[in-house]
Amino acid sequence: MPETIINIENLSKSFKKAPSQHLLVLEDVNFKLQEGEIVALLGKSGSGKSTLLRIIAGLIAPSSGTVTYRGKPVTRPVEGIAMVFQSFALMPWLTVLENVE
């Protein structure tokens, strides 16, 4: 049986829109990515694709739910997961030199 590489359970993400309002971007997302699988993430602009990828990469935290990579919780950037941004992005927790290495 192939190893589960990424496992997402009951994942939701909302962003604060105003002091008492939140914008729900992802709701109750569940899926497993098995070793050797190739998947495509499709959706309209603004549907949460980039947000989901940022959560999987450990760049932002979900509001609820869990993400594991090879059985270990993803709570920060993880070695073995990378993404290429459509537009320029710096990682605020890295130094200038580390951002360009």
PDB file of N, CA and C in Angstrom:
ATOM      1  N   MET A   1       0.848  -1.183   0.000  1.00  0.00           N
ATOM      2  CA  MET A   1       0.000   0.000   0.000  1.00  0.00           C
ATOM      3  C   MET A   1       0.895   1.248   0.000  1.00  0.00           C
ATOM      4  N   PRO A   2       0.600   2.228  -0.862  1.00  0.00           N
ATOM      5  CA  PRO A   2       1.428   3.439  -0.918  1.00  0.00           C
ATOM      6  C   PRO A   2       1.349   4.245   0.379  1.00  0.00           C
ATOM      7  N   GLU A   3       2.461   4.898   0.692  1.00  0.00           N
ATOM      8  CA  GLU A   3       2.530   5.742   1.890  1.00  0.00           C
ATOM      9  C   GLU A   3       1.709   7.015   1.688  1.00  0.00           C
ATOM     10  N   THR A   4       1.038   7.462   2.756  1.00  0.00           N
ATOM     11  CA  THR A   4       0.341   8.745   2.713  1.00  0.00           C
ATOM     12  C   THR A   4       1.379   9.841   2.903  1.00  0.00           C
ATOM     13  N   ILE A   5       1.502  10.717   1.915  1.00  0.00           N
ATOM     14  CA  ILE A   5       2.473  11.809   1.974  1.00  0.00           C
ATOM     15  C   ILE A   5       1.863  13.007   2.696  1.00  0.00           C
ATOM     16  N   ILE A   6       0.688  13.422   2.265  1.00  0.00           N
ATOM     17  CA  ILE A   6      -0.006  14.553   2.883  1.00  0.00           C
ATOM     18  C   ILE A   6      -1.403  14.096   3.275  1.00  0.00           C
ATOM     19  N   ASN A   7      -1.769  14.387   4.510  1.00  0.00           N
ATOM     20  CA  ASN A   7      -3.105  14.051   4.997  1.00  0.00           C
ATOM     21  C   ASN A   7      -3.724  15.321   5.580  1.00  0.00           C
ATOM     22  N   ILE A   8      -4.893  15.685   5.085  1.00  0.00           N
ATOM     23  CA  ILE A   8      -5.606  16.871   5.552  1.00  0.00           C
ATOM     24  C   ILE A   8      -6.943  16.411   6.111  1.00  0.00           C
ATOM     25  N   GLU A   9      -7.227  16.822   7.352  1.00  0.00           N
ATOM     26  CA  GLU A   9      -8.474  16.414   8.004  1.00  0.00           C
ATOM     27  C   GLU A   9      -9.205  17.621   8.571  1.00  0.00           C
ATOM     28  N   ASN A  10     -10.451  17.780   8.143  1.00  0.00           N
ATOM     29  CA  ASN A  10     -11.364  18.799   8.691  1.00  0.00           C
ATOM     30  C   ASN A  10     -10.752  20.197   8.714  1.00  0.00           C
ATOM     31  N   LEU A  11     -10.040  20.541   7.666  1.00  0.00           N
ATOM     32  CA  LEU A  11      -9.320  21.812   7.611  1.00  0.00           C
ATOM     33  C   LEU A  11     -10.241  22.960   7.214  1.00  0.00           C
ATOM     34  N   SER A  12     -10.183  24.026   7.983  1.00  0.00           N
ATOM     35  CA  SER A  12     -10.921  25.253   7.674  1.00  0.00           C
ATOM     36  C   SER A  12      -9.994  26.441   7.877  1.00  0.00           C
ATOM     37  N   LYS A  13     -10.249  27.504   7.140  1.00  0.00           N
ATOM     38  CA  LYS A  13      -9.468  28.731   7.280  1.00  0.00           C
ATOM     39  C   LYS A  13     -10.384  29.920   7.068  1.00  0.00           C
ATOM     40  N   SER A  14     -10.321  30.852   8.003  1.00  0.00           N
ATOM     41  CA  SER A  14     -11.057  32.103   7.849  1.00  0.00           C
ATOM     42  C   SER A  14     -10.101  33.247   8.151  1.00  0.00           C
ATOM     43  N   PHE A  15     -10.389  34.392   7.561  1.00  0.00           N
ATOM     44  CA  PHE A  15      -9.597  35.596   7.769  1.00  0.00           C
ATOM     45  C   PHE A  15     -10.492  36.655   8.382  1.00  0.00           C
ATOM     46  N   LYS A  16      -9.919  37.440   9.277  1.00  0.00           N
ATOM     47  CA  LYS A  16     -10.668  38.527   9.901  1.00  0.00           C
ATOM     48  C   LYS A  16     -10.911  39.611   8.864  1.00  0.00           C
ATOM     49  N   LYS A  17     -12.173  39.934   8.655  1.00  0.00           N
ATOM     50  CA  LYS A  17     -12.575  40.925   7.656  1.00  0.00           C
ATOM     51  C   LYS A  17     -12.814  42.281   8.316  1.00  0.00           C
ATOM     52  N   ALA A  18     -13.419  42.261   9.471  1.00  0.00           N
ATOM     53  CA  ALA A  18     -13.712  43.453  10.268  1.00  0.00           C
ATOM     54  C   ALA A  18     -13.692  42.999  11.725  1.00  0.00           C
ATOM     55  N   PRO A  19     -13.764  43.931  12.675  1.00  0.00           N
ATOM     56  CA  PRO A  19     -13.679  43.521  14.087  1.00  0.00           C
ATOM     57  C   PRO A  19     -14.592  42.358  14.470  1.00  0.00           C
ATOM     58  N   SER A  20     -15.772  42.294  13.919  1.00  0.00           N
ATOM     59  CA  SER A  20     -16.685  41.201  14.288  1.00  0.00           C
ATOM     60  C   SER A  20     -17.067  40.320  13.102  1.00  0.00           C
ATOM     61  N   GLN A  21     -16.324  40.421  11.999  1.00  0.00           N
ATOM     62  CA  GLN A  21     -16.642  39.622  10.806  1.00  0.00           C
ATOM     63  C   GLN A  21     -15.437  38.802  10.372  1.00  0.00           C
ATOM     64  N   HIS A  22     -15.727  37.584   9.929  1.00  0.00           N
ATOM     65  CA  HIS A  22     -14.690  36.715   9.385  1.00  0.00           C
ATOM     66  C   HIS A  22     -15.113  36.234   8.003  1.00  0.00           C
ATOM     67  N   LEU A  23     -14.143  36.088   7.127  1.00  0.00           N
ATOM     68  CA  LEU A  23     -14.378  35.576   5.784  1.00  0.00           C
ATOM     69  C   LEU A  23     -13.912  34.128   5.750  1.00  0.00           C
ATOM     70  N   LEU A  24     -14.832  33.190   5.581  1.00  0.00           N
ATOM     71  CA  LEU A  24     -14.507  31.768   5.519  1.00  0.00           C
ATOM     72  C   LEU A  24     -14.012  31.448   4.116  1.00  0.00           C
ATOM     73  N   VAL A  25     -12.763  31.003   4.023  1.00  0.00           N
ATOM     74  CA  VAL A  25     -12.141  30.730   2.726  1.00  0.00           C
ATOM     75  C   VAL A  25     -12.128  29.230   2.428  1.00  0.00           C
ATOM     76  N   LEU A  26     -11.853  28.423   3.440  1.00  0.00           N
ATOM     77  CA  LEU A  26     -11.846  26.967   3.298  1.00  0.00           C
ATOM     78  C   LEU A  26     -12.703  26.379   4.411  1.00  0.00           C
ATOM     79  N   GLU A  27     -13.518  25.382   4.066  1.00  0.00           N
ATOM     80  CA  GLU A  27     -14.391  24.782   5.074  1.00  0.00           C
ATOM     81  C   GLU A  27     -14.376  23.267   4.976  1.00  0.00           C
ATOM     82  N   ASP A  28     -13.947  22.628   6.049  1.00  0.00           N
ATOM     83  CA  ASP A  28     -13.998  21.173   6.202  1.00  0.00           C
ATOM     84  C   ASP A  28     -13.361  20.434   5.020  1.00  0.00           C
ATOM     85  N   VAL A  29     -12.129  20.795   4.687  1.00  0.00           N
ATOM     86  CA  VAL A  29     -11.393  20.156   3.590  1.00  0.00           C
ATOM     87  C   VAL A  29     -10.756  18.875   4.113  1.00  0.00           C
ATOM     88  N   ASN A  30     -10.926  17.785   3.361  1.00  0.00           N
ATOM     89  CA  ASN A  30     -10.351  16.487   3.707  1.00  0.00           C
ATOM     90  C   ASN A  30      -9.788  15.844   2.452  1.00  0.00           C
ATOM     91  N   PHE A  31      -8.528  15.415   2.501  1.00  0.00           N
ATOM     92  CA  PHE A  31      -7.992  14.564   1.443  1.00  0.00           C
ATOM     93  C   PHE A  31      -6.655  13.979   1.835  1.00  0.00           C
ATOM     94  N   LYS A  32      -6.278  12.927   1.126  1.00  0.00           N
ATOM     95  CA  LYS A  32      -4.986  12.277   1.318  1.00  0.00           C
ATOM     96  C   LYS A  32      -4.273  12.247  -0.019  1.00  0.00           C
ATOM     97  N   LEU A  33      -2.985  12.513   0.022  1.00  0.00           N
ATOM     98  CA  LEU A  33      -2.132  12.388  -1.157  1.00  0.00           C
ATOM     99  C   LEU A  33      -1.201  11.216  -0.900  1.00  0.00           C
ATOM    100  N   GLN A  34      -1.334  10.178  -1.722  1.00  0.00           N
ATOM    101  CA  GLN A  34      -0.511   8.982  -1.574  1.00  0.00           C
ATOM    102  C   GLN A  34       0.751   9.110  -2.419  1.00  0.00           C
ATOM    103  N   GLU A  35       1.790   8.426  -1.988  1.00  0.00           N
ATOM    104  CA  GLU A  35       3.042   8.418  -2.741  1.00  0.00           C
ATOM    105  C   GLU A  35       2.768   7.965  -4.179  1.00  0.00           C
ATOM    106  N   GLY A  36       3.327   8.693  -5.144  1.00  0.00           N
ATOM    107  CA  GLY A  36       3.165   8.362  -6.552  1.00  0.00           C
ATOM    108  C   GLY A  36       1.971   9.010  -7.218  1.00  0.00           C
ATOM    109  N   GLU A  37       1.076   9.607  -6.450  1.00  0.00           N
ATOM    110  CA  GLU A  37      -0.099  10.271  -7.019  1.00  0.00           C
ATOM    111  C   GLU A  37       0.262  11.653  -7.553  1.00  0.00           C
ATOM    112  N   ILE A  38      -0.440  12.051  -8.582  1.00  0.00           N
ATOM    113  CA  ILE A  38      -0.352  13.412  -9.108  1.00  0.00           C
ATOM    114  C   ILE A  38      -1.765  13.971  -9.073  1.00  0.00           C
ATOM    115  N   VAL A  39      -1.921  15.133  -8.461  1.00  0.00           N
ATOM    116  CA  VAL A  39      -3.242  15.745  -8.358  1.00  0.00           C
ATOM    117  C   VAL A  39      -3.188  17.176  -8.877  1.00  0.00           C
ATOM    118  N   ALA A  40      -4.340  17.677  -9.259  1.00  0.00           N
ATOM    119  CA  ALA A  40      -4.472  19.076  -9.685  1.00  0.00           C
ATOM    120  C   ALA A  40      -5.489  19.741  -8.773  1.00  0.00           C
ATOM    121  N   LEU A  41      -5.187  20.954  -8.385  1.00  0.00           N
ATOM    122  CA  LEU A  41      -6.084  21.742  -7.556  1.00  0.00           C
ATOM    123  C   LEU A  41      -6.688  22.812  -8.449  1.00  0.00           C
ATOM    124  N   LEU A  42      -7.984  22.686  -8.717  1.00  0.00           N
ATOM    125  CA  LEU A  42      -8.660  23.580  -9.650  1.00  0.00           C
ATOM    126  C   LEU A  42      -9.736  24.383  -8.940  1.00  0.00           C
ATOM    127  N   GLY A  43      -9.950  25.601  -9.416  1.00  0.00           N
ATOM    128  CA  GLY A  43     -11.011  26.429  -8.861  1.00  0.00           C
ATOM    129  C   GLY A  43     -10.921  27.840  -9.393  1.00  0.00           C
ATOM    130  N   LYS A  44     -11.995  28.572  -9.195  1.00  0.00           N
ATOM    131  CA  LYS A  44     -12.047  29.960  -9.641  1.00  0.00           C
ATOM    132  C   LYS A  44     -11.066  30.810  -8.846  1.00  0.00           C
ATOM    133  N   SER A  45     -10.743  31.969  -9.380  1.00  0.00           N
ATOM    134  CA  SER A  45      -9.923  32.940  -8.675  1.00  0.00           C
ATOM    135  C   SER A  45     -10.605  33.296  -7.353  1.00  0.00           C
ATOM    136  N   GLY A  46      -9.835  33.261  -6.274  1.00  0.00           N
ATOM    137  CA  GLY A  46     -10.392  33.590  -4.967  1.00  0.00           C
ATOM    138  C   GLY A  46     -11.071  32.442  -4.254  1.00  0.00           C
ATOM    139  N   SER A  47     -10.954  31.225  -4.785  1.00  0.00           N
ATOM    140  CA  SER A  47     -11.658  30.088  -4.180  1.00  0.00           C
ATOM    141  C   SER A  47     -10.879  29.412  -3.052  1.00  0.00           C
ATOM    142  N   GLY A  48      -9.635  29.839  -2.796  1.00  0.00           N
ATOM    143  CA  GLY A  48      -8.866  29.285  -1.683  1.00  0.00           C
ATOM    144  C   GLY A  48      -7.737  28.347  -2.065  1.00  0.00           C
ATOM    145  N   LYS A  49      -7.444  28.210  -3.354  1.00  0.00           N
ATOM    146  CA  LYS A  49      -6.375  27.300  -3.794  1.00  0.00           C
ATOM    147  C   LYS A  49      -5.025  27.686  -3.194  1.00  0.00           C
ATOM    148  N   SER A  50      -4.648  28.938  -3.328  1.00  0.00           N
ATOM    149  CA  SER A  50      -3.353  29.393  -2.800  1.00  0.00           C
ATOM    150  C   SER A  50      -3.320  29.316  -1.283  1.00  0.00           C
ATOM    151  N   THR A  51      -4.426  29.618  -0.645  1.00  0.00           N
ATOM    152  CA  THR A  51      -4.499  29.515   0.817  1.00  0.00           C
ATOM    153  C   THR A  51      -4.265  28.077   1.250  1.00  0.00           C
ATOM    154  N   LEU A  52      -4.890  27.121   0.578  1.00  0.00           N
ATOM    155  CA  LEU A  52      -4.700  25.713   0.906  1.00  0.00           C
ATOM    156  C   LEU A  52      -3.239  25.312   0.719  1.00  0.00           C
ATOM    157  N   LEU A  53      -2.627  25.725  -0.380  1.00  0.00           N
ATOM    158  CA  LEU A  53      -1.223  25.386  -0.621  1.00  0.00           C
ATOM    159  C   LEU A  53      -0.309  26.013   0.423  1.00  0.00           C
ATOM    160  N   ARG A  54      -0.593  27.228   0.841  1.00  0.00           N
ATOM    161  CA  ARG A  54       0.213  27.882   1.886  1.00  0.00           C
ATOM    162  C   ARG A  54       0.077  27.146   3.219  1.00  0.00           C
ATOM    163  N   ILE A  55      -1.099  26.631   3.511  1.00  0.00           N
ATOM    164  CA  ILE A  55      -1.290  25.853   4.738  1.00  0.00           C
ATOM    165  C   ILE A  55      -0.515  24.542   4.647  1.00  0.00           C
ATOM    166  N   ILE A  56      -0.612  23.844   3.521  1.00  0.00           N
ATOM    167  CA  ILE A  56       0.117  22.585   3.336  1.00  0.00           C
ATOM    168  C   ILE A  56       1.618  22.810   3.471  1.00  0.00           C
ATOM    169  N   ALA A  57       2.112  23.928   2.938  1.00  0.00           N
ATOM    170  CA  ALA A  57       3.546  24.238   3.003  1.00  0.00           C
ATOM    171  C   ALA A  57       3.976  24.735   4.380  1.00  0.00           C
ATOM    172  N   GLY A  58       3.028  24.982   5.276  1.00  0.00           N
ATOM    173  CA  GLY A  58       3.366  25.450   6.611  1.00  0.00           C
ATOM    174  C   GLY A  58       3.624  26.939   6.695  1.00  0.00           C
ATOM    175  N   LEU A  59       3.198  27.680   5.682  1.00  0.00           N
ATOM    176  CA  LEU A  59       3.435  29.126   5.661  1.00  0.00           C
ATOM    177  C   LEU A  59       2.390  29.894   6.454  1.00  0.00           C
ATOM    178  N   ILE A  60       1.178  29.359   6.530  1.00  0.00           N
ATOM    179  CA  ILE A  60       0.133  29.941   7.376  1.00  0.00           C
ATOM    180  C   ILE A  60      -0.574  28.795   8.098  1.00  0.00           C
ATOM    181  N   ALA A  61      -1.184  29.116   9.219  1.00  0.00           N
ATOM    182  CA  ALA A  61      -1.868  28.094  10.020  1.00  0.00           C
ATOM    183  C   ALA A  61      -3.344  28.023   9.651  1.00  0.00           C
ATOM    184  N   PRO A  62      -3.917  26.833   9.702  1.00  0.00           N
ATOM    185  CA  PRO A  62      -5.364  26.729   9.494  1.00  0.00           C
ATOM    186  C   PRO A  62      -6.103  27.287  10.710  1.00  0.00           C
ATOM    187  N   SER A  63      -7.345  27.659  10.532  1.00  0.00           N
ATOM    188  CA  SER A  63      -8.177  28.068  11.668  1.00  0.00           C
ATOM    189  C   SER A  63      -8.588  26.853  12.488  1.00  0.00           C
ATOM    190  N   SER A  64      -8.783  25.728  11.801  1.00  0.00           N
ATOM    191  CA  SER A  64      -9.086  24.463  12.476  1.00  0.00           C
ATOM    192  C   SER A  64      -8.691  23.319  11.553  1.00  0.00           C
ATOM    193  N   GLY A  65      -8.588  22.131  12.122  1.00  0.00           N
ATOM    194  CA  GLY A  65      -8.213  20.964  11.349  1.00  0.00           C
ATOM    195  C   GLY A  65      -6.719  20.702  11.412  1.00  0.00           C
ATOM    196  N   THR A  66      -6.298  19.626  10.726  1.00  0.00           N
ATOM    197  CA  THR A  66      -4.892  19.225  10.772  1.00  0.00           C
ATOM    198  C   THR A  66      -4.340  18.929   9.388  1.00  0.00           C
ATOM    199  N   VAL A  67      -3.030  19.160   9.266  1.00  0.00           N
ATOM    200  CA  VAL A  67      -2.270  18.780   8.080  1.00  0.00           C
ATOM    201  C   VAL A  67      -1.070  17.993   8.574  1.00  0.00           C
ATOM    202  N   THR A  68      -0.851  16.811   7.999  1.00  0.00           N
ATOM    203  CA  THR A  68       0.358  16.065   8.324  1.00  0.00           C
ATOM    204  C   THR A  68       1.126  15.783   7.043  1.00  0.00           C
ATOM    205  N   TYR A  69       2.450  15.777   7.170  1.00  0.00           N
ATOM    206  CA  TYR A  69       3.356  15.442   6.072  1.00  0.00           C
ATOM    207  C   TYR A  69       4.168  14.237   6.528  1.00  0.00           C
ATOM    208  N   ARG A  70       3.971  13.122   5.846  1.00  0.00           N
ATOM    209  CA  ARG A  70       4.619  11.863   6.206  1.00  0.00           C
ATOM    210  C   ARG A  70       4.402  11.524   7.682  1.00  0.00           C
ATOM    211  N   GLY A  71       3.165  11.775   8.142  1.00  0.00           N
ATOM    212  CA  GLY A  71       2.776  11.412   9.496  1.00  0.00           C
ATOM    213  C   GLY A  71       3.090  12.426  10.575  1.00  0.00           C
ATOM    214  N   LYS A  72       3.781  13.516  10.225  1.00  0.00           N
ATOM    215  CA  LYS A  72       4.142  14.528  11.220  1.00  0.00           C
ATOM    216  C   LYS A  72       3.326  15.796  10.991  1.00  0.00           C
ATOM    217  N   PRO A  73       2.843  16.417  12.074  1.00  0.00           N
ATOM    218  CA  PRO A  73       2.032  17.636  11.928  1.00  0.00           C
ATOM    219  C   PRO A  73       2.801  18.761  11.244  1.00  0.00           C
ATOM    220  N   VAL A  74       2.129  19.469  10.363  1.00  0.00           N
ATOM    221  CA  VAL A  74       2.713  20.642   9.702  1.00  0.00           C
ATOM    222  C   VAL A  74       2.264  21.870  10.492  1.00  0.00           C
ATOM    223  N   THR A  75       3.215  22.492  11.194  1.00  0.00           N
ATOM    224  CA  THR A  75       2.916  23.685  11.983  1.00  0.00           C
ATOM    225  C   THR A  75       3.817  24.851  11.604  1.00  0.00           C
ATOM    226  N   ARG A  76       4.767  24.590  10.721  1.00  0.00           N
ATOM    227  CA  ARG A  76       5.702  25.602  10.224  1.00  0.00           C
ATOM    228  C   ARG A  76       6.259  25.068   8.913  1.00  0.00           C
ATOM    229  N   PRO A  77       7.062  25.850   8.190  1.00  0.00           N
ATOM    230  CA  PRO A  77       7.627  25.331   6.942  1.00  0.00           C
ATOM    231  C   PRO A  77       8.393  24.025   7.181  1.00  0.00           C
ATOM    232  N   VAL A  78       8.176  23.074   6.288  1.00  0.00           N
ATOM    233  CA  VAL A  78       8.724  21.735   6.444  1.00  0.00           C
ATOM    234  C   VAL A  78       9.679  21.429   5.302  1.00  0.00           C
ATOM    235  N   GLU A  79      10.823  20.839   5.641  1.00  0.00           N
ATOM    236  CA  GLU A  79      11.744  20.394   4.604  1.00  0.00           C
ATOM    237  C   GLU A  79      11.057  19.295   3.800  1.00  0.00           C
ATOM    238  N   GLY A  80      11.084  19.414   2.493  1.00  0.00           N
ATOM    239  CA  GLY A  80      10.429  18.441   1.633  1.00  0.00           C
ATOM    240  C   GLY A  80       9.174  18.984   0.975  1.00  0.00           C
ATOM    241  N   ILE A  81       8.695  20.127   1.460  1.00  0.00           N
ATOM    242  CA  ILE A  81       7.538  20.788   0.849  1.00  0.00           C
ATOM    243  C   ILE A  81       7.984  22.163   0.383  1.00  0.00           C
ATOM    244  N   ALA A  82       7.734  22.466  -0.873  1.00  0.00           N
ATOM    245  CA  ALA A  82       8.111  23.775  -1.411  1.00  0.00           C
ATOM    246  C   ALA A  82       7.020  24.264  -2.344  1.00  0.00           C
ATOM    247  N   MET A  83       7.013  25.558  -2.568  1.00  0.00           N
ATOM    248  CA  MET A  83       6.081  26.115  -3.545  1.00  0.00           C
ATOM    249  C   MET A  83       6.735  27.301  -4.223  1.00  0.00           C
ATOM    250  N   VAL A  84       6.319  27.544  -5.443  1.00  0.00           N
ATOM    251  CA  VAL A  84       6.790  28.695  -6.209  1.00  0.00           C
ATOM    252  C   VAL A  84       5.632  29.669  -6.285  1.00  0.00           C
ATOM    253  N   PHE A  85       5.878  30.902  -5.850  1.00  0.00           N
ATOM    254  CA  PHE A  85       4.822  31.902  -5.821  1.00  0.00           C
ATOM    255  C   PHE A  85       4.635  32.530  -7.194  1.00  0.00           C
ATOM    256  N   GLN A  86       3.403  32.861  -7.509  1.00  0.00           N
ATOM    257  CA  GLN A  86       3.098  33.531  -8.770  1.00  0.00           C
ATOM    258  C   GLN A  86       3.710  34.923  -8.790  1.00  0.00           C
ATOM    259  N   SER A  87       3.678  35.599  -7.654  1.00  0.00           N
ATOM    260  CA  SER A  87       4.298  36.918  -7.551  1.00  0.00           C
ATOM    261  C   SER A  87       5.339  36.873  -6.434  1.00  0.00           C
ATOM    262  N   PHE A  88       6.228  37.821  -6.442  1.00  0.00           N
ATOM    263  CA  PHE A  88       7.355  37.891  -5.524  1.00  0.00           C
ATOM    264  C   PHE A  88       6.914  37.773  -4.065  1.00  0.00           C
ATOM    265  N   ALA A  89       7.631  36.995  -3.279  1.00  0.00           N
ATOM    266  CA  ALA A  89       7.294  36.837  -1.863  1.00  0.00           C
ATOM    267  C   ALA A  89       8.564  36.616  -1.048  1.00  0.00           C
ATOM    268  N   LEU A  90       8.643  37.280   0.089  1.00  0.00           N
ATOM    269  CA  LEU A  90       9.718  37.058   1.051  1.00  0.00           C
ATOM    270  C   LEU A  90       9.147  36.331   2.255  1.00  0.00           C
ATOM    271  N   MET A  91       9.967  35.494   2.865  1.00  0.00           N
ATOM    272  CA  MET A  91       9.573  34.802   4.081  1.00  0.00           C
ATOM    273  C   MET A  91      10.014  35.674   5.250  1.00  0.00           C
ATOM    274  N   PRO A  92       9.077  36.256   6.005  1.00  0.00           N
ATOM    275  CA  PRO A  92       9.443  37.222   7.041  1.00  0.00           C
ATOM    276  C   PRO A  92      10.289  36.658   8.174  1.00  0.00           C
ATOM    277  N   TRP A  93      10.291  35.345   8.373  1.00  0.00           N
ATOM    278  CA  TRP A  93      11.069  34.754   9.454  1.00  0.00           C
ATOM    279  C   TRP A  93      12.509  34.469   9.031  1.00  0.00           C
ATOM    280  N   LEU A  94      12.835  34.675   7.737  1.00  0.00           N
ATOM    281  CA  LEU A  94      14.194  34.460   7.246  1.00  0.00           C
ATOM    282  C   LEU A  94      14.933  35.781   7.111  1.00  0.00           C
ATOM    283  N   THR A  95      16.260  35.698   7.173  1.00  0.00           N
ATOM    284  CA  THR A  95      17.071  36.887   6.923  1.00  0.00           C
ATOM    285  C   THR A  95      17.067  37.174   5.428  1.00  0.00           C
ATOM    286  N   VAL A  96      17.603  38.325   5.059  1.00  0.00           N
ATOM    287  CA  VAL A  96      17.699  38.669   3.639  1.00  0.00           C
ATOM    288  C   VAL A  96      18.500  37.608   2.904  1.00  0.00           C
ATOM    289  N   LEU A  97      19.648  37.221   3.448  1.00  0.00           N
ATOM    290  CA  LEU A  97      20.493  36.212   2.810  1.00  0.00           C
ATOM    291  C   LEU A  97      19.756  34.878   2.687  1.00  0.00           C
ATOM    292  N   GLU A  98      19.075  34.458   3.747  1.00  0.00           N
ATOM    293  CA  GLU A  98      18.347  33.188   3.703  1.00  0.00           C
ATOM    294  C   GLU A  98      17.220  33.219   2.677  1.00  0.00           C
ATOM    295  N   ASN A  99      16.609  34.364   2.448  1.00  0.00           N
ATOM    296  CA  ASN A  99      15.548  34.483   1.449  1.00  0.00           C
ATOM    297  C   ASN A  99      16.062  34.293   0.034  1.00  0.00           C
ATOM    298  N   VAL A 100      17.322  34.571  -0.219  1.00  0.00           N
ATOM    299  CA  VAL A 100      17.837  34.446  -1.587  1.00  0.00           C
ATOM    300  C   VAL A 100      18.683  33.199  -1.800  1.00  0.00           C
ATOM    301  N   GLU A 101      18.950  32.451  -0.745  1.00  0.00           N
ATOM    302  CA  GLU A 101      19.745  31.223  -0.903  1.00  0.00           C
ATOM    303  C   GLU A 101      18.953  30.130  -1.576  1.00  0.00           C
TER     304      GLU A 101
END
